N, C-alpha and C. Protein backbone atom coordinates (compact mmCIF):
# COMPACT_ATOMS: atom_id res chain seq x y z
N MET A 1 0.84 -1.19 0.00
CA MET A 1 0.00 0.00 0.00
C MET A 1 0.88 1.25 0.00
N ARG A 2 1.84 1.32 0.77
CA ARG A 2 2.87 2.36 0.78
C ARG A 2 2.34 3.80 0.76
N PHE A 3 1.24 4.05 1.43
CA PHE A 3 0.70 5.39 1.64
C PHE A 3 0.41 6.15 0.35
N THR A 4 -0.09 5.46 -0.64
CA THR A 4 -0.60 6.11 -1.85
C THR A 4 -2.12 6.04 -1.82
N GLU A 5 -2.75 6.90 -2.58
CA GLU A 5 -4.21 6.91 -2.57
C GLU A 5 -4.78 5.59 -3.06
N ILE A 6 -5.91 5.23 -2.48
CA ILE A 6 -6.56 3.97 -2.80
C ILE A 6 -7.82 4.26 -3.58
N ASP A 7 -7.99 3.58 -4.71
CA ASP A 7 -9.19 3.75 -5.52
C ASP A 7 -10.29 2.85 -4.96
N LEU A 8 -11.30 3.44 -4.36
CA LEU A 8 -12.39 2.70 -3.75
C LEU A 8 -13.67 3.04 -4.49
N PHE A 9 -14.07 2.19 -5.44
CA PHE A 9 -15.26 2.39 -6.26
C PHE A 9 -15.22 3.72 -7.02
N GLY A 10 -14.06 4.07 -7.53
CA GLY A 10 -13.92 5.29 -8.31
C GLY A 10 -13.61 6.53 -7.51
N VAL A 11 -13.51 6.40 -6.19
CA VAL A 11 -13.21 7.54 -5.32
C VAL A 11 -11.84 7.29 -4.68
N TYR A 12 -10.96 8.26 -4.82
CA TYR A 12 -9.65 8.14 -4.21
C TYR A 12 -9.73 8.55 -2.74
N VAL A 13 -9.31 7.65 -1.87
CA VAL A 13 -9.31 7.93 -0.43
C VAL A 13 -7.89 7.83 0.09
N ALA A 14 -7.64 8.58 1.15
CA ALA A 14 -6.32 8.55 1.77
C ALA A 14 -6.14 7.21 2.49
N PRO A 15 -4.94 6.67 2.49
CA PRO A 15 -4.73 5.38 3.16
C PRO A 15 -4.93 5.48 4.67
N MET A 16 -4.77 6.68 5.22
CA MET A 16 -4.97 6.83 6.65
C MET A 16 -6.43 6.59 7.03
N SER A 17 -7.36 6.97 6.16
CA SER A 17 -8.77 6.74 6.47
C SER A 17 -9.10 5.25 6.46
N VAL A 18 -8.48 4.51 5.59
CA VAL A 18 -8.67 3.06 5.57
C VAL A 18 -8.08 2.43 6.83
N MET A 19 -6.92 2.93 7.24
CA MET A 19 -6.30 2.43 8.47
C MET A 19 -7.14 2.78 9.69
N LEU A 20 -7.76 3.96 9.69
CA LEU A 20 -8.63 4.35 10.81
C LEU A 20 -9.82 3.40 10.94
N VAL A 21 -10.42 3.05 9.82
CA VAL A 21 -11.57 2.14 9.84
C VAL A 21 -11.13 0.75 10.31
N ALA A 22 -9.98 0.29 9.84
CA ALA A 22 -9.48 -1.02 10.26
C ALA A 22 -9.17 -1.04 11.76
N ALA A 23 -8.55 0.03 12.26
CA ALA A 23 -8.25 0.11 13.69
C ALA A 23 -9.52 0.20 14.51
N TRP A 24 -10.53 0.86 14.00
CA TRP A 24 -11.81 0.98 14.70
C TRP A 24 -12.48 -0.39 14.82
N ILE A 25 -12.46 -1.16 13.75
CA ILE A 25 -13.06 -2.50 13.77
C ILE A 25 -12.31 -3.41 14.74
N ILE A 26 -10.99 -3.35 14.73
CA ILE A 26 -10.20 -4.17 15.65
C ILE A 26 -10.46 -3.75 17.09
N THR A 27 -10.58 -2.44 17.33
CA THR A 27 -10.84 -1.94 18.68
C THR A 27 -12.21 -2.37 19.18
N ILE A 28 -13.20 -2.38 18.29
CA ILE A 28 -14.53 -2.86 18.69
C ILE A 28 -14.46 -4.32 19.12
N ALA A 29 -13.73 -5.13 18.37
CA ALA A 29 -13.59 -6.54 18.73
C ALA A 29 -12.87 -6.70 20.07
N LEU A 30 -11.81 -5.93 20.29
CA LEU A 30 -11.09 -6.01 21.55
C LEU A 30 -11.94 -5.53 22.72
N ARG A 31 -12.76 -4.49 22.48
CA ARG A 31 -13.64 -3.98 23.54
C ARG A 31 -14.69 -5.02 23.92
N ARG A 32 -15.22 -5.72 22.94
CA ARG A 32 -16.21 -6.78 23.23
C ARG A 32 -15.59 -7.91 24.03
N VAL A 33 -14.37 -8.28 23.68
CA VAL A 33 -13.68 -9.34 24.43
C VAL A 33 -13.41 -8.88 25.87
N ALA A 34 -12.97 -7.63 26.02
CA ALA A 34 -12.68 -7.10 27.36
C ALA A 34 -13.94 -7.00 28.21
N SER A 35 -15.04 -6.58 27.61
CA SER A 35 -16.28 -6.47 28.39
C SER A 35 -16.86 -7.84 28.71
N ARG A 36 -16.65 -8.81 27.83
CA ARG A 36 -17.16 -10.16 28.08
C ARG A 36 -16.47 -10.79 29.29
N PHE A 37 -15.16 -10.55 29.43
CA PHE A 37 -14.43 -11.10 30.55
C PHE A 37 -14.40 -10.17 31.76
N GLY A 38 -15.04 -9.02 31.67
CA GLY A 38 -15.12 -8.10 32.80
C GLY A 38 -13.86 -7.32 33.08
N LEU A 39 -13.03 -7.13 32.08
CA LEU A 39 -11.78 -6.41 32.29
C LEU A 39 -11.97 -4.89 32.38
N LEU A 40 -13.02 -4.38 31.78
CA LEU A 40 -13.23 -2.93 31.77
C LEU A 40 -13.66 -2.40 33.14
N ARG A 41 -14.14 -3.23 34.02
CA ARG A 41 -14.53 -2.74 35.34
C ARG A 41 -13.32 -2.51 36.23
N HIS A 42 -12.16 -2.99 35.84
CA HIS A 42 -10.92 -2.76 36.59
C HIS A 42 -10.18 -1.52 36.12
N VAL A 43 -10.71 -0.83 35.13
CA VAL A 43 -10.05 0.34 34.56
C VAL A 43 -10.68 1.59 35.16
N TRP A 44 -9.84 2.58 35.47
CA TRP A 44 -10.32 3.80 36.10
C TRP A 44 -11.26 4.58 35.19
N HIS A 45 -10.87 4.77 33.93
CA HIS A 45 -11.66 5.55 32.97
C HIS A 45 -11.80 4.72 31.69
N PRO A 46 -12.88 3.96 31.54
CA PRO A 46 -13.00 3.03 30.40
C PRO A 46 -12.93 3.71 29.03
N ALA A 47 -13.52 4.88 28.88
CA ALA A 47 -13.47 5.56 27.58
C ALA A 47 -12.05 5.97 27.22
N LEU A 48 -11.31 6.45 28.18
CA LEU A 48 -9.92 6.83 27.94
C LEU A 48 -9.07 5.60 27.64
N PHE A 49 -9.37 4.50 28.30
CA PHE A 49 -8.66 3.24 28.05
C PHE A 49 -8.92 2.73 26.65
N ILE A 50 -10.18 2.78 26.22
CA ILE A 50 -10.53 2.33 24.87
C ILE A 50 -9.86 3.23 23.82
N PHE A 51 -9.81 4.54 24.08
CA PHE A 51 -9.14 5.44 23.16
C PHE A 51 -7.64 5.13 23.07
N ALA A 52 -7.03 4.81 24.20
CA ALA A 52 -5.61 4.45 24.20
C ALA A 52 -5.38 3.16 23.42
N ILE A 53 -6.28 2.20 23.57
CA ILE A 53 -6.17 0.95 22.80
C ILE A 53 -6.31 1.24 21.31
N PHE A 54 -7.26 2.13 20.96
CA PHE A 54 -7.43 2.51 19.55
C PHE A 54 -6.16 3.13 18.99
N MET A 55 -5.53 4.01 19.76
CA MET A 55 -4.30 4.65 19.28
C MET A 55 -3.16 3.64 19.14
N ILE A 56 -3.10 2.68 20.04
CA ILE A 56 -2.07 1.64 19.94
C ILE A 56 -2.28 0.78 18.70
N VAL A 57 -3.53 0.41 18.45
CA VAL A 57 -3.84 -0.40 17.27
C VAL A 57 -3.56 0.39 15.99
N LEU A 58 -3.97 1.65 15.95
CA LEU A 58 -3.72 2.48 14.77
C LEU A 58 -2.23 2.68 14.52
N SER A 59 -1.48 2.91 15.57
CA SER A 59 -0.03 3.06 15.42
C SER A 59 0.63 1.78 14.93
N SER A 60 0.15 0.66 15.44
CA SER A 60 0.70 -0.63 15.01
C SER A 60 0.42 -0.89 13.54
N ILE A 61 -0.79 -0.57 13.11
CA ILE A 61 -1.15 -0.76 11.70
C ILE A 61 -0.31 0.14 10.80
N SER A 62 -0.15 1.40 11.19
CA SER A 62 0.61 2.32 10.33
C SER A 62 2.10 1.95 10.31
N LEU A 63 2.63 1.46 11.42
CA LEU A 63 4.02 1.02 11.42
C LEU A 63 4.21 -0.24 10.60
N ALA A 64 3.25 -1.14 10.64
CA ALA A 64 3.36 -2.37 9.86
C ALA A 64 3.28 -2.08 8.36
N ILE A 65 2.47 -1.11 7.98
CA ILE A 65 2.34 -0.79 6.56
C ILE A 65 3.53 0.02 6.06
N ALA A 66 4.11 0.83 6.92
CA ALA A 66 5.24 1.67 6.53
C ALA A 66 6.50 0.86 6.23
N ARG A 67 6.58 -0.32 6.76
CA ARG A 67 7.78 -1.14 6.54
C ARG A 67 7.78 -1.79 5.23
């Protein structure tokens, strides 16, 4: 992918927007797993924790694609 525009049904989109959607989907899956096992009740601020997980996933995706 190498950070070039992606042709999505005739519309050019930035690769960062595709990575954002992918990170969002992965974060939703991780949040469901964490809530199923009751891990979110041990966190001081669950929304801030979920945002931090989202940023970690997004950074990991962008680093993996940049290589």
